């Protein structure tokens, strides 16, 4: 069985995508799938490269039992398109930005929006909580838990 690799992408890689990475890793670990599924995150911009996730997001995620340990990095089209099976973007602009980096249209089939995997939350995108208060971060975590749960189900079904 080939290991599946997921990359979550937002703008700066300090709020939504590291939270998605941490949530998905928590789900993967709780099901004992660490050897079958790998997860990472990146941003379409490199503003925060090398930084930890936003302290507010780390705090809210920690309260739910998720440890956000990754350091921000910029999406690298030369490596990430070929290295990942799923490239999951947080909002419509991230989606368009990533798709536009696929100059030869070879990898677009791998790119999706997190909102596509949400069943409980009827959203078109995961809102950026950076300029919002606690409720914004909690809302993002709710949406990401919904999307990650259903994405994991989809991947597990592919293993069958």
Protein backbone atom coordinates (compact mmCIF):
# COMPACT_ATOMS: atom_id res chain seq x y z
CA UNK A 1 0.00 0.00 0.00
CA UNK A 2 1.36 3.38 -1.04
CA UNK A 3 1.50 6.06 1.63
CA UNK A 4 -0.93 8.93 0.98
CA UNK A 5 0.38 12.47 1.41
CA UNK A 6 -1.77 15.50 2.18
CA UNK A 7 -0.71 19.15 1.97
CA UNK A 8 -2.93 21.85 3.44
CA UNK A 9 -2.47 25.34 1.97
CA UNK A 10 -3.53 28.80 3.15
CA UNK A 11 -2.06 32.26 2.65
CA UNK A 12 0.67 32.64 5.29
CA UNK A 13 0.78 29.12 6.76
CA UNK A 14 0.33 30.35 10.35
CA UNK A 15 -3.40 29.89 11.07
CA UNK A 16 -5.62 27.67 8.93
CA UNK A 17 -3.23 25.26 7.20
CA UNK A 18 -1.12 24.43 10.29
CA UNK A 19 -4.38 23.94 12.21
CA UNK A 20 -5.63 21.58 9.49
CA UNK A 21 -2.31 19.76 9.60
CA UNK A 22 -2.48 19.38 13.40
CA UNK A 23 -6.11 18.28 13.38
CA UNK A 24 -5.56 15.75 10.60
CA UNK A 25 -2.45 14.41 12.29
CA UNK A 26 -4.47 14.00 15.51
CA UNK A 27 -7.12 12.02 13.62
CA UNK A 28 -4.49 9.94 11.81
CA UNK A 29 -2.69 9.16 15.08
CA UNK A 30 -5.90 8.23 16.91
CA UNK A 31 -6.62 5.67 14.17
CA UNK A 32 -3.05 4.34 14.07
CA UNK A 33 -2.50 5.41 10.45
CA UNK A 34 0.80 7.30 10.88
CA UNK A 35 2.60 4.82 8.61
CA UNK A 36 -0.04 5.15 5.89
CA UNK A 37 -0.80 8.88 5.76
CA UNK A 38 1.59 11.82 5.89
CA UNK A 39 0.48 15.43 6.42
CA UNK A 40 2.12 18.83 5.92
CA UNK A 41 1.12 22.47 5.38
CA UNK A 42 2.31 25.46 3.37
CA UNK A 43 1.34 29.01 2.43
CA UNK A 44 0.95 30.62 -0.96
CA UNK A 45 3.03 33.52 0.36
CA UNK A 46 6.28 33.32 2.28
CA UNK A 47 5.62 36.13 4.78
CA UNK A 48 6.05 33.91 7.82
CA UNK A 49 8.57 31.30 6.63
CA UNK A 50 10.23 29.61 9.60
CA UNK A 51 7.69 30.87 12.14
CA UNK A 52 5.46 28.78 14.39
CA UNK A 53 1.70 28.94 13.96
CA UNK A 54 -0.05 32.04 15.28
CA UNK A 55 -0.08 31.90 19.12
CA UNK A 56 -3.87 32.38 19.18
CA UNK A 57 -4.38 29.41 16.85
CA UNK A 58 -1.95 27.29 18.87
CA UNK A 59 -3.84 28.17 22.06
CA UNK A 60 -7.30 27.35 20.67
CA UNK A 61 -6.06 24.16 19.00
CA UNK A 62 -4.32 23.08 22.20
CA UNK A 63 -7.58 23.46 24.13
CA UNK A 64 -9.00 20.81 21.80
CA UNK A 65 -5.99 18.53 22.18
CA UNK A 66 -4.15 19.42 18.97
CA UNK A 67 -0.45 20.27 19.00
CA UNK A 68 0.58 22.63 16.21
CA UNK A 69 4.31 22.16 15.85
CA UNK A 70 5.07 22.84 12.19
CA UNK A 71 6.99 25.86 10.98
CA UNK A 72 5.61 28.01 8.18
CA UNK A 73 6.90 27.46 4.67
CA UNK A 74 5.94 28.60 1.22
CA UNK A 75 4.26 26.30 -1.28
CA UNK A 76 6.92 24.99 -3.67
CA UNK A 77 5.37 24.05 -7.03
CA UNK A 78 8.49 22.21 -8.21
CA UNK A 79 8.31 19.78 -5.28
CA UNK A 80 4.84 19.93 -3.74
CA UNK A 81 2.78 19.15 -6.83
CA UNK A 82 4.62 15.90 -7.46
CA UNK A 83 5.16 14.97 -3.80
CA UNK A 84 1.56 15.20 -2.53
CA UNK A 85 -1.54 13.22 -3.43
CA UNK A 86 -3.94 15.79 -2.00
CA UNK A 87 -3.38 19.55 -1.99
CA UNK A 88 -6.20 21.03 0.06
CA UNK A 89 -6.65 24.80 -0.02
CA UNK A 90 -8.44 26.86 2.60
CA UNK A 91 -10.17 29.50 0.51
CA UNK A 92 -11.02 30.39 -3.08
CA UNK A 93 -8.01 32.68 -3.51
CA UNK A 94 -5.60 30.00 -2.21
CA UNK A 95 -7.19 27.56 -4.65
CA UNK A 96 -6.75 29.95 -7.60
CA UNK A 97 -3.18 30.76 -6.55
CA UNK A 98 -2.17 27.09 -6.35
CA UNK A 99 -3.91 26.18 -9.61
CA UNK A 100 -2.13 29.08 -11.35
CA UNK A 101 1.25 27.61 -10.28
CA UNK A 102 0.45 24.43 -12.23
CA UNK A 103 1.75 25.92 -15.47
CA UNK A 104 1.42 22.73 -17.53
CA UNK A 105 -1.94 21.72 -15.99
CA UNK A 106 -0.49 18.41 -14.85
CA UNK A 107 -1.53 18.46 -11.20
CA UNK A 108 -4.83 20.34 -10.99
CA UNK A 109 -6.66 17.09 -10.27
CA UNK A 110 -4.82 16.94 -6.91
CA UNK A 111 -6.01 20.39 -5.79
CA UNK A 112 -9.26 20.80 -3.88
CA UNK A 113 -10.91 23.12 -1.38
CA UNK A 114 -11.34 22.14 2.26
CA UNK A 115 -14.99 23.25 2.06
CA UNK A 116 -15.63 20.39 -0.41
CA UNK A 117 -15.06 17.91 2.42
CA UNK A 118 -17.31 19.64 4.96
CA UNK A 119 -20.65 17.98 5.65
CA UNK A 120 -21.77 19.57 8.92
CA UNK A 121 -20.67 23.11 8.08
CA UNK A 122 -22.16 24.55 4.91
CA UNK A 123 -19.32 26.85 3.88
CA UNK A 124 -17.68 27.86 0.60
CA UNK A 125 -14.29 28.42 2.20
CA UNK A 126 -12.44 28.43 5.51
CA UNK A 127 -12.36 32.07 6.64
CA UNK A 128 -9.04 33.60 7.69
CA UNK A 129 -9.26 34.15 11.47
CA UNK A 130 -6.15 36.37 11.63
CA UNK A 131 -8.07 39.62 12.18
CA UNK A 132 -10.89 38.12 14.23
CA UNK A 133 -11.26 37.31 17.89
CA UNK A 134 -11.53 33.98 19.69
CA UNK A 135 -14.79 33.10 17.97
CA UNK A 136 -13.06 33.31 14.58
CA UNK A 137 -10.41 30.79 15.62
CA UNK A 138 -13.01 28.48 17.16
CA UNK A 139 -15.13 28.65 13.99
CA UNK A 140 -12.12 27.75 11.85
CA UNK A 141 -11.32 24.77 14.09
CA UNK A 142 -14.95 23.58 13.85
CA UNK A 143 -14.84 23.77 10.04
CA UNK A 144 -11.43 22.07 9.86
CA UNK A 145 -12.49 19.22 12.14
CA UNK A 146 -15.50 18.62 9.89
CA UNK A 147 -13.46 18.72 6.68
CA UNK A 148 -10.54 16.66 8.01
CA UNK A 149 -12.85 13.95 9.34
CA UNK A 150 -14.48 13.52 5.94
CA UNK A 151 -11.22 13.75 4.00
CA UNK A 152 -9.78 11.03 6.22
CA UNK A 153 -12.82 8.84 5.55
CA UNK A 154 -12.32 9.33 1.80
CA UNK A 155 -8.64 8.35 2.05
CA UNK A 156 -9.38 5.30 4.20
CA UNK A 157 -11.93 4.19 1.60
CA UNK A 158 -9.19 4.37 -1.05
CA UNK A 159 -7.10 1.94 1.01
CA UNK A 160 -9.84 -0.71 0.77
